[in-house]
Amino acid sequence: MIVDAIGLADIGTKIIVSAASTVALLILSLLFRSIRGFVFYTRAEYDLVAERRAHETPFCRSWSINWEENRLDLAIGDISNNSLNGVRFENATGRRQDVANMHPSNSFVELFDGALGAKINSIVRQNRPSGEDVAIYTLRLVIRRKRWAWAI
């Protein structure tokens, strides 16, 4: 009888220690931005392609992106090798948000009161042979949105 009581107490202690370790590990892991981003946000990546003819200034383009019952219109006033100037985002309801400059970065720009985040991962310029006088730019756009309305 006493042996059974000691065995049950030992099992209870192991359960409490395991649960406490799990909670501590969860809290510790949420301190890392990449883990928080994976848990609390969904993301989509798009390669936006634009051809630039010789002496085209300003170099502006626009795209309309549809995903997961969302729509986002993107207009860029001037594309260069290392930045985007005069960026305008517009959501499906017609709400607009302007961003003066976007550079390739790991940080998201919060849009529409934090409902969406956007960043430019890279700007790649492919030079064509001089006879064609066309450069092709590929912009890698990353969009994220919260998985749940209460997410941080």
Protein backbone atom coordinates (compact mmCIF):
# COMPACT_ATOMS: atom_id res chain seq x y z
CA MET A 1 0.00 0.00 0.00
CA ILE A 2 2.71 2.50 0.96
CA VAL A 3 4.71 1.54 -2.14
CA ASP A 4 1.68 2.34 -4.35
CA ALA A 5 1.24 5.75 -2.69
CA ILE A 6 4.92 6.60 -3.24
CA GLY A 7 4.70 5.46 -6.89
CA LEU A 8 1.62 7.64 -7.53
CA ALA A 9 3.29 10.65 -5.89
CA ASP A 10 6.38 10.10 -8.05
CA ILE A 11 4.25 9.95 -11.22
CA GLY A 12 2.41 13.12 -10.20
CA THR A 13 5.69 14.93 -9.66
CA LYS A 14 6.98 13.81 -13.06
CA ILE A 15 3.80 15.06 -14.75
CA ILE A 16 4.08 18.46 -13.04
CA VAL A 17 7.76 18.77 -13.96
CA SER A 18 7.03 17.82 -17.59
CA ALA A 19 4.14 20.29 -17.87
CA ALA A 20 6.21 23.09 -16.30
CA SER A 21 9.12 22.36 -18.64
CA THR A 22 6.81 22.44 -21.66
CA VAL A 23 5.28 25.77 -20.64
CA ALA A 24 8.72 27.27 -19.94
CA LEU A 25 10.01 26.11 -23.34
CA LEU A 26 6.94 27.55 -25.07
CA ILE A 27 7.39 30.93 -23.40
CA LEU A 28 11.11 30.94 -24.16
CA SER A 29 10.56 30.03 -27.82
CA LEU A 30 8.07 32.88 -28.28
CA LEU A 31 10.86 35.34 -27.48
CA PHE A 32 12.29 34.65 -30.96
CA ARG A 33 10.72 36.70 -33.77
CA SER A 34 10.99 33.92 -36.36
CA ILE A 35 9.06 31.48 -34.17
CA ARG A 36 6.40 34.10 -33.35
CA GLY A 37 6.08 34.83 -37.06
CA PHE A 38 5.57 31.15 -37.88
CA VAL A 39 3.01 30.60 -35.11
CA PHE A 40 0.94 33.77 -35.37
CA TYR A 41 1.10 34.70 -39.09
CA THR A 42 0.49 33.17 -42.50
CA ARG A 43 2.65 34.45 -45.30
CA ALA A 44 2.79 34.41 -49.06
CA GLU A 45 5.66 35.33 -51.38
CA TYR A 46 5.35 36.77 -54.86
CA ASP A 47 7.92 37.45 -57.57
CA LEU A 48 6.80 40.61 -59.35
CA VAL A 49 8.44 41.04 -62.74
CA ALA A 50 8.83 44.34 -64.59
CA GLU A 51 10.73 45.22 -67.75
CA ARG A 52 12.51 48.54 -67.89
CA ARG A 53 13.22 50.08 -71.26
CA ALA A 54 16.28 52.27 -71.76
CA HIS A 55 15.96 55.74 -70.23
CA GLU A 56 12.53 55.00 -68.70
CA THR A 57 12.23 57.46 -65.81
CA PRO A 58 10.43 57.21 -63.51
CA PHE A 59 10.20 53.43 -63.67
CA CYS A 60 6.73 52.75 -62.25
CA ARG A 61 4.55 49.64 -62.28
CA SER A 62 1.45 48.25 -60.58
CA TRP A 63 0.14 44.79 -59.71
CA SER A 64 -3.04 43.30 -58.27
CA ILE A 65 -2.54 40.31 -55.97
CA ASN A 66 -5.33 37.96 -54.91
CA TRP A 67 -4.81 35.33 -52.21
CA GLU A 68 -6.89 33.61 -49.51
CA GLU A 69 -9.99 35.75 -50.16
CA ASN A 70 -7.88 38.93 -49.99
CA ARG A 71 -6.92 41.41 -52.65
CA LEU A 72 -4.06 43.87 -52.50
CA ASP A 73 -3.23 46.38 -55.22
CA LEU A 74 0.35 47.59 -55.30
CA ALA A 75 1.57 50.62 -57.23
CA ILE A 76 5.20 51.71 -57.20
CA GLY A 77 6.14 55.22 -58.30
CA ASP A 78 9.81 54.51 -59.01
CA ILE A 79 11.80 51.25 -58.95
CA SER A 80 15.57 51.38 -58.65
CA ASN A 81 18.29 48.79 -58.07
CA ASN A 82 18.07 49.10 -54.28
CA SER A 83 14.74 50.67 -53.33
CA LEU A 84 11.13 51.33 -54.19
CA ASN A 85 9.85 54.90 -53.92
CA GLY A 86 6.28 56.11 -53.73
CA VAL A 87 4.73 52.75 -52.84
CA ARG A 88 0.93 52.63 -52.53
CA PHE A 89 -1.03 49.66 -51.16
CA GLU A 90 -4.80 49.41 -51.59
CA ASN A 91 -6.96 46.66 -50.08
CA ALA A 92 -10.21 45.18 -51.40
CA THR A 93 -12.33 47.80 -49.60
CA GLY A 94 -10.47 50.63 -51.33
CA ARG A 95 -8.49 51.70 -48.29
CA ARG A 96 -5.06 53.06 -49.25
CA GLN A 97 -1.77 53.27 -47.44
CA ASP A 98 1.31 54.99 -48.79
CA VAL A 99 4.90 54.09 -47.93
CA ALA A 100 7.54 56.61 -49.00
CA ASN A 101 10.44 54.12 -49.39
CA MET A 102 10.85 50.37 -49.19
CA HIS A 103 14.26 48.71 -49.26
CA PRO A 104 15.05 44.98 -49.26
CA SER A 105 14.75 44.09 -45.59
CA ASN A 106 13.86 41.40 -43.08
CA SER A 107 11.46 43.79 -41.33
CA PHE A 108 7.81 44.04 -42.26
CA VAL A 109 6.00 47.33 -42.83
CA GLU A 110 2.66 47.19 -41.00
CA LEU A 111 -0.30 47.98 -43.26
CA PHE A 112 -3.91 48.84 -42.49
CA ASP A 113 -3.52 49.09 -38.71
CA GLY A 114 -1.50 45.89 -38.51
CA ALA A 115 -3.94 43.69 -40.45
CA LEU A 116 -1.21 42.98 -43.01
CA GLY A 117 2.54 43.23 -43.14
CA ALA A 118 4.64 43.60 -46.29
CA LYS A 119 8.34 43.58 -47.06
CA ILE A 120 10.60 43.43 -50.09
CA ASN A 121 12.99 40.51 -49.73
CA SER A 122 15.06 41.34 -52.78
CA ILE A 123 15.30 43.39 -55.95
CA VAL A 124 17.02 41.49 -58.75
CA ARG A 125 18.01 43.25 -61.96
CA GLN A 126 18.76 41.09 -64.96
CA ASN A 127 20.68 43.00 -67.61
CA ARG A 128 20.01 42.10 -71.20
CA PRO A 129 22.57 42.25 -74.00
CA SER A 130 23.11 45.87 -75.09
CA GLY A 131 21.23 45.31 -78.34
CA GLU A 132 17.92 44.89 -76.53
CA ASP A 133 18.27 47.81 -74.08
CA VAL A 134 15.86 46.20 -71.64
CA ALA A 135 16.52 45.34 -68.00
CA ILE A 136 14.21 42.94 -66.21
CA TYR A 137 13.57 43.55 -62.54
CA THR A 138 12.17 40.89 -60.21
CA LEU A 139 10.85 42.11 -56.88
CA ARG A 140 10.23 39.48 -54.21
CA LEU A 141 7.28 40.72 -52.17
CA VAL A 142 6.35 38.96 -48.92
CA ILE A 143 2.92 39.54 -47.42
CA ARG A 144 1.83 38.29 -44.04
CA ARG A 145 -1.46 38.40 -42.19
CA LYS A 146 -2.46 37.37 -38.71
CA ARG A 147 -3.79 33.83 -38.33
CA TRP A 148 -6.19 34.93 -35.62
CA ALA A 149 -7.69 38.35 -34.84
CA TRP A 150 -6.21 38.27 -31.32
CA ALA A 151 -2.68 37.40 -32.46
CA ILE A 152 0.14 39.75 -31.46
